Amino acid sequence: MKEFPVDDAKLNTCVKEARFLRRLRHPAVVQIEAVFFEEKTGSSTGNFYIQMPFYANGALDEWVECCKPDSLKS
């Protein structure tokens, strides 16, 4: 799950990007399962969430640091 604090203007951008990523199919891109918006009471801001599948190998940045993948290998 990724969380992004947003206001009204940023929310529209997040929704457009999430729609694009939802349709994207590529082996190097994690699929999006769902998106959520939680509005803060009495405010024009809130949190935008992107839900992705759970991968047992942990966070991507930790895996890259540990495994040092080579994009030229097939």
PDB file of N, CA and C in Angstrom:
ATOM      1  N   MET A   1       0.857  -1.167   0.000  1.00  0.00           N
ATOM      2  CA  MET A   1       0.000   0.000   0.000  1.00  0.00           C
ATOM      3  C   MET A   1       0.901   1.227   0.000  1.00  0.00           C
ATOM      4  N   LYS A   2       0.627   2.157  -0.897  1.00  0.00           N
ATOM      5  CA  LYS A   2       1.345   3.425  -0.920  1.00  0.00           C
ATOM      6  C   LYS A   2       0.370   4.530  -0.569  1.00  0.00           C
ATOM      7  N   GLU A   3       0.831   5.498   0.196  1.00  0.00           N
ATOM      8  CA  GLU A   3      -0.009   6.596   0.665  1.00  0.00           C
ATOM      9  C   GLU A   3       0.581   7.920   0.192  1.00  0.00           C
ATOM     10  N   PHE A   4      -0.285   8.786  -0.339  1.00  0.00           N
ATOM     11  CA  PHE A   4       0.129  10.093  -0.812  1.00  0.00           C
ATOM     12  C   PHE A   4      -0.786  11.156  -0.217  1.00  0.00           C
ATOM     13  N   PRO A   5      -0.253  12.118   0.547  1.00  0.00           N
ATOM     14  CA  PRO A   5      -1.089  13.223   1.013  1.00  0.00           C
ATOM     15  C   PRO A   5      -1.382  14.134  -0.184  1.00  0.00           C
ATOM     16  N   VAL A   6      -2.658  14.486  -0.378  1.00  0.00           N
ATOM     17  CA  VAL A   6      -3.042  15.284  -1.550  1.00  0.00           C
ATOM     18  C   VAL A   6      -4.065  16.359  -1.188  1.00  0.00           C
ATOM     19  N   ASP A   7      -4.106  17.381  -2.055  1.00  0.00           N
ATOM     20  CA  ASP A   7      -5.185  18.360  -2.013  1.00  0.00           C
ATOM     21  C   ASP A   7      -6.055  18.112  -3.247  1.00  0.00           C
ATOM     22  N   ASP A   8      -7.046  18.956  -3.494  1.00  0.00           N
ATOM     23  CA  ASP A   8      -7.962  18.721  -4.615  1.00  0.00           C
ATOM     24  C   ASP A   8      -7.243  18.657  -5.957  1.00  0.00           C
ATOM     25  N   ALA A   9      -6.299  19.555  -6.204  1.00  0.00           N
ATOM     26  CA  ALA A   9      -5.579  19.578  -7.484  1.00  0.00           C
ATOM     27  C   ALA A   9      -4.726  18.325  -7.670  1.00  0.00           C
ATOM     28  N   LYS A  10      -4.028  17.914  -6.630  1.00  0.00           N
ATOM     29  CA  LYS A  10      -3.186  16.729  -6.721  1.00  0.00           C
ATOM     30  C   LYS A  10      -4.017  15.445  -6.822  1.00  0.00           C
ATOM     31  N   LEU A  11      -5.208  15.457  -6.237  1.00  0.00           N
ATOM     32  CA  LEU A  11      -6.073  14.279  -6.303  1.00  0.00           C
ATOM     33  C   LEU A  11      -6.421  13.952  -7.747  1.00  0.00           C
ATOM     34  N   ASN A  12      -6.762  14.954  -8.547  1.00  0.00           N
ATOM     35  CA  ASN A  12      -7.080  14.724  -9.956  1.00  0.00           C
ATOM     36  C   ASN A  12      -5.898  14.110 -10.699  1.00  0.00           C
ATOM     37  N   THR A  13      -4.702  14.589 -10.428  1.00  0.00           N
ATOM     38  CA  THR A  13      -3.498  14.041 -11.051  1.00  0.00           C
ATOM     39  C   THR A  13      -3.295  12.589 -10.631  1.00  0.00           C
ATOM     40  N   CYS A  14      -3.467  12.286  -9.346  1.00  0.00           N
ATOM     41  CA  CYS A  14      -3.306  10.914  -8.847  1.00  0.00           C
ATOM     42  C   CYS A  14      -4.308   9.965  -9.502  1.00  0.00           C
ATOM     43  N   VAL A  15      -5.547  10.406  -9.653  1.00  0.00           N
ATOM     44  CA  VAL A  15      -6.578   9.557 -10.266  1.00  0.00           C
ATOM     45  C   VAL A  15      -6.224   9.269 -11.721  1.00  0.00           C
ATOM     46  N   LYS A  16      -5.787  10.278 -12.464  1.00  0.00           N
ATOM     47  CA  LYS A  16      -5.406  10.079 -13.873  1.00  0.00           C
ATOM     48  C   LYS A  16      -4.242   9.107 -13.993  1.00  0.00           C
ATOM     49  N   GLU A  17      -3.230   9.278 -13.150  1.00  0.00           N
ATOM     50  CA  GLU A  17      -2.068   8.387 -13.201  1.00  0.00           C
ATOM     51  C   GLU A  17      -2.441   6.971 -12.791  1.00  0.00           C
ATOM     52  N   ALA A  18      -3.295   6.820 -11.798  1.00  0.00           N
ATOM     53  CA  ALA A  18      -3.728   5.482 -11.371  1.00  0.00           C
ATOM     54  C   ALA A  18      -4.505   4.784 -12.476  1.00  0.00           C
ATOM     55  N   ARG A  19      -5.358   5.530 -13.194  1.00  0.00           N
ATOM     56  CA  ARG A  19      -6.091   4.935 -14.327  1.00  0.00           C
ATOM     57  C   ARG A  19      -5.130   4.419 -15.383  1.00  0.00           C
ATOM     58  N   PHE A  20      -4.118   5.222 -15.686  1.00  0.00           N
ATOM     59  CA  PHE A  20      -3.122   4.813 -16.672  1.00  0.00           C
ATOM     60  C   PHE A  20      -2.380   3.566 -16.201  1.00  0.00           C
ATOM     61  N   LEU A  21      -1.904   3.568 -14.971  1.00  0.00           N
ATOM     62  CA  LEU A  21      -1.150   2.431 -14.447  1.00  0.00           C
ATOM     63  C   LEU A  21      -2.013   1.173 -14.337  1.00  0.00           C
ATOM     64  N   ARG A  22      -3.295   1.339 -14.076  1.00  0.00           N
ATOM     65  CA  ARG A  22      -4.209   0.190 -13.968  1.00  0.00           C
ATOM     66  C   ARG A  22      -4.306  -0.554 -15.295  1.00  0.00           C
ATOM     67  N   ARG A  23      -4.227   0.182 -16.397  1.00  0.00           N
ATOM     68  CA  ARG A  23      -4.315  -0.434 -17.727  1.00  0.00           C
ATOM     69  C   ARG A  23      -2.964  -0.957 -18.222  1.00  0.00           C
ATOM     70  N   LEU A  24      -1.882  -0.481 -17.641  1.00  0.00           N
ATOM     71  CA  LEU A  24      -0.539  -0.827 -18.082  1.00  0.00           C
ATOM     72  C   LEU A  24      -0.212  -2.279 -17.754  1.00  0.00           C
ATOM     73  N   ARG A  25       0.322  -2.990 -18.720  1.00  0.00           N
ATOM     74  CA  ARG A  25       0.749  -4.379 -18.509  1.00  0.00           C
ATOM     75  C   ARG A  25       2.204  -4.505 -18.966  1.00  0.00           C
ATOM     76  N   HIS A  26       3.089  -4.694 -18.002  1.00  0.00           N
ATOM     77  CA  HIS A  26       4.511  -4.844 -18.293  1.00  0.00           C
ATOM     78  C   HIS A  26       5.125  -5.680 -17.181  1.00  0.00           C
ATOM     79  N   PRO A  27       6.033  -6.602 -17.510  1.00  0.00           N
ATOM     80  CA  PRO A  27       6.605  -7.473 -16.471  1.00  0.00           C
ATOM     81  C   PRO A  27       7.415  -6.735 -15.411  1.00  0.00           C
ATOM     82  N   ALA A  28       7.857  -5.521 -15.690  1.00  0.00           N
ATOM     83  CA  ALA A  28       8.660  -4.776 -14.721  1.00  0.00           C
ATOM     84  C   ALA A  28       7.836  -3.765 -13.925  1.00  0.00           C
ATOM     85  N   VAL A  29       6.509  -3.768 -14.122  1.00  0.00           N
ATOM     86  CA  VAL A  29       5.640  -2.813 -13.429  1.00  0.00           C
ATOM     87  C   VAL A  29       4.655  -3.579 -12.554  1.00  0.00           C
ATOM     88  N   VAL A  30       4.600  -3.218 -11.275  1.00  0.00           N
ATOM     89  CA  VAL A  30       3.683  -3.848 -10.331  1.00  0.00           C
ATOM     90  C   VAL A  30       2.251  -3.431 -10.668  1.00  0.00           C
ATOM     91  N   GLN A  31       1.341  -4.384 -10.659  1.00  0.00           N
ATOM     92  CA  GLN A  31      -0.058  -4.114 -10.968  1.00  0.00           C
ATOM     93  C   GLN A  31      -0.751  -3.400  -9.804  1.00  0.00           C
ATOM     94  N   ILE A  32      -1.718  -2.578 -10.120  1.00  0.00           N
ATOM     95  CA  ILE A  32      -2.527  -1.905  -9.108  1.00  0.00           C
ATOM     96  C   ILE A  32      -3.794  -2.730  -8.898  1.00  0.00           C
ATOM     97  N   GLU A  33      -4.102  -3.028  -7.642  1.00  0.00           N
ATOM     98  CA  GLU A  33      -5.323  -3.767  -7.331  1.00  0.00           C
ATOM     99  C   GLU A  33      -6.487  -2.831  -7.035  1.00  0.00           C
ATOM    100  N   ALA A  34      -6.214  -1.709  -6.372  1.00  0.00           N
ATOM    101  CA  ALA A  34      -7.289  -0.782  -6.006  1.00  0.00           C
ATOM    102  C   ALA A  34      -6.697   0.567  -5.648  1.00  0.00           C
ATOM    103  N   VAL A  35      -7.553   1.592  -5.683  1.00  0.00           N
ATOM    104  CA  VAL A  35      -7.176   2.928  -5.219  1.00  0.00           C
ATOM    105  C   VAL A  35      -8.249   3.414  -4.245  1.00  0.00           C
ATOM    106  N   PHE A  36      -7.828   4.214  -3.286  1.00  0.00           N
ATOM    107  CA  PHE A  36      -8.729   4.729  -2.262  1.00  0.00           C
ATOM    108  C   PHE A  36      -8.392   6.185  -1.994  1.00  0.00           C
ATOM    109  N   PHE A  37      -9.382   6.953  -1.556  1.00  0.00           N
ATOM    110  CA  PHE A  37      -9.156   8.318  -1.100  1.00  0.00           C
ATOM    111  C   PHE A  37      -9.840   8.487   0.235  1.00  0.00           C
ATOM    112  N   GLU A  38      -9.108   8.987   1.206  1.00  0.00           N
ATOM    113  CA  GLU A  38      -9.655   9.256   2.529  1.00  0.00           C
ATOM    114  C   GLU A  38      -9.604  10.767   2.759  1.00  0.00           C
ATOM    115  N   GLU A  39     -10.770  11.391   2.799  1.00  0.00           N
ATOM    116  CA  GLU A  39     -10.847  12.826   2.979  1.00  0.00           C
ATOM    117  C   GLU A  39     -10.678  13.186   4.453  1.00  0.00           C
ATOM    118  N   LYS A  40      -9.875  14.212   4.713  1.00  0.00           N
ATOM    119  CA  LYS A  40      -9.724  14.694   6.082  1.00  0.00           C
ATOM    120  C   LYS A  40     -10.933  15.558   6.418  1.00  0.00           C
ATOM    121  N   THR A  41     -11.515  15.352   7.567  1.00  0.00           N
ATOM    122  CA  THR A  41     -12.710  16.074   7.992  1.00  0.00           C
ATOM    123  C   THR A  41     -12.457  17.580   8.029  1.00  0.00           C
ATOM    124  N   GLY A  42     -13.365  18.340   7.378  1.00  0.00           N
ATOM    125  CA  GLY A  42     -13.283  19.787   7.401  1.00  0.00           C
ATOM    126  C   GLY A  42     -12.116  20.364   6.622  1.00  0.00           C
ATOM    127  N   SER A  43     -11.618  19.630   5.624  1.00  0.00           N
ATOM    128  CA  SER A  43     -10.452  20.079   4.876  1.00  0.00           C
ATOM    129  C   SER A  43     -10.608  19.706   3.404  1.00  0.00           C
ATOM    130  N   SER A  44      -9.859  20.376   2.538  1.00  0.00           N
ATOM    131  CA  SER A  44      -9.863  20.015   1.118  1.00  0.00           C
ATOM    132  C   SER A  44      -8.686  19.097   0.806  1.00  0.00           C
ATOM    133  N   THR A  45      -8.089  18.536   1.841  1.00  0.00           N
ATOM    134  CA  THR A  45      -6.969  17.615   1.660  1.00  0.00           C
ATOM    135  C   THR A  45      -7.354  16.232   2.166  1.00  0.00           C
ATOM    136  N   GLY A  46      -6.520  15.273   1.853  1.00  0.00           N
ATOM    137  CA  GLY A  46      -6.742  13.917   2.317  1.00  0.00           C
ATOM    138  C   GLY A  46      -5.580  13.040   1.917  1.00  0.00           C
ATOM    139  N   ASN A  47      -5.799  11.742   1.960  1.00  0.00           N
ATOM    140  CA  ASN A  47      -4.766  10.775   1.583  1.00  0.00           C
ATOM    141  C   ASN A  47      -5.271   9.899   0.457  1.00  0.00           C
ATOM    142  N   PHE A  48      -4.450   9.760  -0.565  1.00  0.00           N
ATOM    143  CA  PHE A  48      -4.730   8.905  -1.710  1.00  0.00           C
ATOM    144  C   PHE A  48      -3.900   7.645  -1.531  1.00  0.00           C
ATOM    145  N   TYR A  49      -4.529   6.489  -1.674  1.00  0.00           N
ATOM    146  CA  TYR A  49      -3.843   5.210  -1.464  1.00  0.00           C
ATOM    147  C   TYR A  49      -3.870   4.375  -2.735  1.00  0.00           C
ATOM    148  N   ILE A  50      -2.772   3.713  -3.000  1.00  0.00           N
ATOM    149  CA  ILE A  50      -2.698   2.743  -4.098  1.00  0.00           C
ATOM    150  C   ILE A  50      -2.374   1.389  -3.474  1.00  0.00           C
ATOM    151  N   GLN A  51      -3.242   0.418  -3.725  1.00  0.00           N
ATOM    152  CA  GLN A  51      -3.039  -0.931  -3.200  1.00  0.00           C
ATOM    153  C   GLN A  51      -2.465  -1.804  -4.308  1.00  0.00           C
ATOM    154  N   MET A  52      -1.369  -2.488  -3.984  1.00  0.00           N
ATOM    155  CA  MET A  52      -0.702  -3.391  -4.907  1.00  0.00           C
ATOM    156  C   MET A  52      -0.610  -4.773  -4.265  1.00  0.00           C
ATOM    157  N   PRO A  53      -0.324  -5.791  -5.047  1.00  0.00           N
ATOM    158  CA  PRO A  53      -0.217  -7.133  -4.468  1.00  0.00           C
ATOM    159  C   PRO A  53       0.936  -7.219  -3.464  1.00  0.00           C
ATOM    160  N   PHE A  54       0.824  -8.169  -2.554  1.00  0.00           N
ATOM    161  CA  PHE A  54       1.891  -8.433  -1.598  1.00  0.00           C
ATOM    162  C   PHE A  54       2.929  -9.328  -2.268  1.00  0.00           C
ATOM    163  N   TYR A  55       4.196  -8.961  -2.146  1.00  0.00           N
ATOM    164  CA  TYR A  55       5.285  -9.783  -2.664  1.00  0.00           C
ATOM    165  C   TYR A  55       6.152 -10.221  -1.490  1.00  0.00           C
ATOM    166  N   ALA A  56       6.361 -11.505  -1.353  1.00  0.00           N
ATOM    167  CA  ALA A  56       7.053 -12.070  -0.193  1.00  0.00           C
ATOM    168  C   ALA A  56       8.507 -11.634  -0.077  1.00  0.00           C
ATOM    169  N   ASN A  57       9.108 -11.138  -1.143  1.00  0.00           N
ATOM    170  CA  ASN A  57      10.511 -10.724  -1.091  1.00  0.00           C
ATOM    171  C   ASN A  57      10.710  -9.353  -0.472  1.00  0.00           C
ATOM    172  N   GLY A  58       9.659  -8.708  -0.021  1.00  0.00           N
ATOM    173  CA  GLY A  58       9.786  -7.427   0.673  1.00  0.00           C
ATOM    174  C   GLY A  58       9.703  -6.230  -0.244  1.00  0.00           C
ATOM    175  N   ALA A  59      10.130  -5.094   0.282  1.00  0.00           N
ATOM    176  CA  ALA A  59      10.066  -3.837  -0.453  1.00  0.00           C
ATOM    177  C   ALA A  59      11.002  -3.860  -1.655  1.00  0.00           C
ATOM    178  N   LEU A  60      10.572  -3.237  -2.732  1.00  0.00           N
ATOM    179  CA  LEU A  60      11.347  -3.239  -3.971  1.00  0.00           C
ATOM    180  C   LEU A  60      12.716  -2.608  -3.776  1.00  0.00           C
ATOM    181  N   ASP A  61      12.795  -1.485  -3.064  1.00  0.00           N
ATOM    182  CA  ASP A  61      14.091  -0.836  -2.880  1.00  0.00           C
ATOM    183  C   ASP A  61      15.063  -1.717  -2.103  1.00  0.00           C
ATOM    184  N   GLU A  62      14.556  -2.484  -1.138  1.00  0.00           N
ATOM    185  CA  GLU A  62      15.412  -3.405  -0.384  1.00  0.00           C
ATOM    186  C   GLU A  62      15.877  -4.561  -1.263  1.00  0.00           C
ATOM    187  N   TRP A  63      14.993  -5.080  -2.101  1.00  0.00           N
ATOM    188  CA  TRP A  63      15.353  -6.180  -3.002  1.00  0.00           C
ATOM    189  C   TRP A  63      16.413  -5.727  -4.002  1.00  0.00           C
ATOM    190  N   VAL A  64      16.251  -4.539  -4.572  1.00  0.00           N
ATOM    191  CA  VAL A  64      17.226  -4.015  -5.536  1.00  0.00           C
ATOM    192  C   VAL A  64      18.587  -3.851  -4.874  1.00  0.00           C
ATOM    193  N   GLU A  65      18.606  -3.303  -3.654  1.00  0.00           N
ATOM    194  CA  GLU A  65      19.869  -3.119  -2.940  1.00  0.00           C
ATOM    195  C   GLU A  65      20.548  -4.457  -2.663  1.00  0.00           C
ATOM    196  N   CYS A  66      19.782  -5.445  -2.281  1.00  0.00           N
ATOM    197  CA  CYS A  66      20.322  -6.767  -1.932  1.00  0.00           C
ATOM    198  C   CYS A  66      20.752  -7.562  -3.163  1.00  0.00           C
ATOM    199  N   CYS A  67      19.914  -7.603  -4.188  1.00  0.00           N
ATOM    200  CA  CYS A  67      20.142  -8.491  -5.337  1.00  0.00           C
ATOM    201  C   CYS A  67      20.893  -7.852  -6.495  1.00  0.00           C
ATOM    202  N   LYS A  68      20.946  -6.530  -6.530  1.00  0.00           N
ATOM    203  CA  LYS A  68      21.637  -5.812  -7.587  1.00  0.00           C
ATOM    204  C   LYS A  68      21.275  -6.348  -8.982  1.00  0.00           C
ATOM    205  N   PRO A  69      19.996  -6.271  -9.379  1.00  0.00           N
ATOM    206  CA  PRO A  69      19.582  -6.832 -10.671  1.00  0.00           C
ATOM    207  C   PRO A  69      20.236  -6.081 -11.832  1.00  0.00           C
ATOM    208  N   ASP A  70      20.455  -6.808 -12.901  1.00  0.00           N
ATOM    209  CA  ASP A  70      21.068  -6.256 -14.112  1.00  0.00           C
ATOM    210  C   ASP A  70      20.000  -6.219 -15.200  1.00  0.00           C
ATOM    211  N   SER A  71      19.647  -5.053 -15.663  1.00  0.00           N
ATOM    212  CA  SER A  71      18.580  -4.924 -16.670  1.00  0.00           C
ATOM    213  C   SER A  71      18.968  -5.537 -18.008  1.00  0.00           C
ATOM    214  N   LEU A  72      20.246  -5.856 -18.210  1.00  0.00           N
ATOM    215  CA  LEU A  72      20.670  -6.433 -19.479  1.00  0.00           C
ATOM    216  C   LEU A  72      20.528  -7.946 -19.508  1.00  0.00           C
ATOM    217  N   LYS A  73      20.330  -8.589 -18.345  1.00  0.00           N
ATOM    218  CA  LYS A  73      20.138 -10.030 -18.294  1.00  0.00           C
ATOM    219  C   LYS A  73      18.718 -10.370 -18.736  1.00  0.00           C
ATOM    220  N   SER A  74      18.574 -11.499 -19.388  1.00  0.00           N
ATOM    221  CA  SER A  74      17.214 -11.900 -19.793  1.00  0.00           C
ATOM    222  C   SER A  74      16.728 -13.064 -18.989  1.00  0.00           C
TER     223      SER A  74
END
